Protein backbone atom coordinates (compact mmCIF):
# COMPACT_ATOMS: atom_id res chain seq x y z
CA MET A 1 1.66 36.35 1.11
CA ARG A 2 -0.94 35.13 -1.37
CA ARG A 3 1.67 32.93 -3.05
CA PHE A 4 2.48 31.40 0.34
CA GLY A 5 -1.21 30.57 0.88
CA VAL A 6 -1.46 28.89 -2.49
CA THR A 7 1.70 26.89 -1.78
CA VAL A 8 0.35 25.71 1.58
CA ALA A 9 -2.99 24.75 0.02
CA LEU A 10 -1.28 22.74 -2.72
CA ALA A 11 0.98 21.03 -0.19
CA ALA A 12 -2.04 20.03 1.88
CA LEU A 13 -3.84 18.75 -1.20
CA PHE A 14 -0.98 16.45 -2.16
CA ALA A 15 0.01 15.49 1.39
CA ALA A 16 -3.25 13.69 2.16
CA PRO A 17 -2.83 10.94 -0.46
CA ALA A 18 0.87 10.63 0.36
CA SER A 19 0.17 10.20 4.07
CA ALA A 20 -2.55 7.65 3.28
CA ILE A 21 -0.18 5.64 1.10
CA SER A 22 2.35 5.71 3.93
CA LEU A 23 -0.40 4.51 6.27
CA PHE A 24 -1.28 1.65 3.90
CA HIS A 25 2.38 0.60 3.69
CA SER A 26 2.81 0.79 7.47
CA HIS A 27 -0.23 -1.43 8.06
CA TRP A 28 0.90 -3.83 5.32
CA LYS A 29 4.23 -4.30 7.07
CA SER A 30 2.68 -4.78 10.51
CA HIS A 31 0.09 -7.20 9.10
CA TYR A 32 2.34 -9.37 6.93
CA LEU A 33 5.86 -8.94 8.31
CA THR A 34 5.19 -10.46 11.71
CA ALA A 35 7.46 -12.48 13.99
CA GLU A 36 5.83 -15.63 12.56
CA ALA A 37 6.57 -14.69 8.94
CA ASN A 38 9.32 -16.40 6.98
CA PRO A 39 12.50 -14.38 7.72
CA GLU A 40 13.57 -14.46 4.06
CA PHE A 41 10.19 -13.06 3.03
CA VAL A 42 10.47 -10.32 5.66
CA THR A 43 13.87 -9.33 4.28
CA THR A 44 12.67 -9.47 0.67
CA ALA A 45 9.53 -7.45 1.42
CA ARG A 46 11.43 -4.82 3.41
CA THR A 47 13.93 -4.50 0.58
CA ALA A 48 11.07 -4.19 -1.93
CA GLY A 49 9.53 -1.35 0.09
CA CYS A 50 7.28 0.75 -2.15
CA TYR A 51 7.57 -1.85 -4.90
CA ILE A 52 5.17 -4.12 -3.05
CA CYS A 53 2.56 -2.01 -4.88
CA HIS A 54 4.58 0.04 -7.38
CA VAL A 55 6.94 -0.63 -10.28
CA LYS A 56 10.63 0.03 -9.92
CA GLY A 57 11.84 2.73 -12.29
CA LYS A 58 8.36 4.12 -12.95
CA PRO A 59 6.72 7.18 -11.35
CA LYS A 60 5.06 5.93 -8.15
CA LYS A 61 2.33 8.50 -8.40
CA ASP A 62 1.19 7.15 -11.77
CA VAL A 63 2.15 3.48 -11.95
CA GLN A 64 1.14 0.53 -9.79
CA ASN A 65 2.02 -3.09 -10.28
CA GLU A 66 -0.68 -5.75 -10.47
CA TYR A 67 -0.96 -6.05 -6.68
CA GLY A 68 -1.18 -2.28 -6.23
CA THR A 69 -3.81 -2.09 -8.96
CA ALA A 70 -5.86 -4.87 -7.35
CA LEU A 71 -5.52 -3.31 -3.90
CA SER A 72 -6.63 0.07 -5.24
CA GLN A 73 -10.02 -1.51 -6.02
CA TYR A 74 -10.53 -1.80 -2.26
CA LEU A 75 -8.51 1.18 -0.96
CA ASP A 76 -8.56 4.77 -2.12
CA ALA A 77 -6.12 7.21 -0.56
CA ASP A 78 -8.72 9.98 -0.86
CA ASP A 79 -10.91 8.07 1.61
CA PHE A 80 -8.24 8.45 4.29
CA PRO A 81 -7.65 12.19 4.83
CA LYS A 82 -5.03 12.85 7.48
CA GLU A 83 -7.43 14.56 9.90
CA TRP A 84 -9.99 11.74 9.60
CA VAL A 85 -7.30 9.12 10.27
CA LYS A 86 -6.15 11.06 13.36
CA LYS A 87 -9.71 11.07 14.73
CA HIS A 88 -10.52 7.47 13.71
CA PRO A 89 -7.29 5.42 13.75
CA GLU A 90 -8.98 2.13 14.63
CA GLU A 91 -11.61 2.53 11.91
CA ALA A 92 -8.87 3.38 9.40
CA LYS A 93 -6.89 0.30 10.40
CA LYS A 94 -10.00 -1.90 10.20
CA ARG A 95 -10.83 -0.68 6.68
CA ILE A 96 -7.23 -1.15 5.52
CA LEU A 97 -6.99 -4.69 6.93
CA GLU A 98 -10.34 -5.57 5.33
CA ALA A 99 -8.93 -4.45 1.97
CA PHE A 100 -5.83 -6.61 2.48
CA LYS A 101 -8.08 -9.59 3.21
CA LYS A 102 -10.16 -8.97 0.07
CA VAL A 103 -7.16 -8.58 -2.24
CA GLU A 104 -5.70 -11.85 -0.95
CA GLU A 105 -8.42 -13.64 -2.93
CA ASP A 106 -7.58 -11.88 -6.21
CA LEU A 107 -5.45 -13.65 -8.81
CA SER A 108 -1.98 -12.59 -9.84
CA LYS A 109 -0.91 -12.77 -13.47
CA ASP A 110 0.73 -16.09 -12.64
CA ARG A 111 -2.73 -17.49 -11.68
CA GLN A 112 -1.97 -17.74 -7.95
CA THR A 113 -3.91 -15.72 -5.42
CA PHE A 114 -2.03 -12.83 -3.86
CA GLY A 115 -2.77 -14.36 -0.45
CA ASN A 116 -1.23 -17.72 -1.37
CA LYS A 117 1.85 -16.00 -2.74
CA ILE A 118 2.34 -13.94 0.42
CA ALA A 119 1.66 -16.98 2.64
CA GLY A 120 4.24 -18.87 0.58
CA GLY A 121 6.86 -16.21 1.20
CA LYS A 122 6.72 -14.55 -2.22
CA LEU A 123 6.12 -10.96 -3.18
CA PRO A 124 2.55 -10.61 -4.48
CA ALA A 125 3.22 -8.99 -7.87
CA VAL A 126 5.11 -10.42 -10.82
CA ASP A 127 5.49 -7.03 -12.50
CA SER A 128 7.29 -4.95 -9.85
CA GLY A 129 10.44 -4.64 -11.89
CA LEU A 130 12.54 -6.23 -9.14
């Protein structure tokens, strides 16, 4: 029984960041992949999936691409525990969208802002491994 309790505690510990990351991705899609977005960009971004922020072929838990690294300066999964998000969904959404707005001003390695790249129908990171 004790082993079961430890397993449940560990699962809860690791589930919070995972659910927050899922929340970030969900809001990213609803914010950027709108009906007004370039259809080719929508397809490319949906195909990229996790690699909007991560690097293909690398452990997602440990490796972010340049966009994911920049975004992590404004968003921390630990600040979005599952129970808090359930109680404050609008506040969570507001904080996430504010982070997206801030990271849009940051420069990519190719010297374009992430916001200009996304507005131009390009994936934000040059180092996603795609």
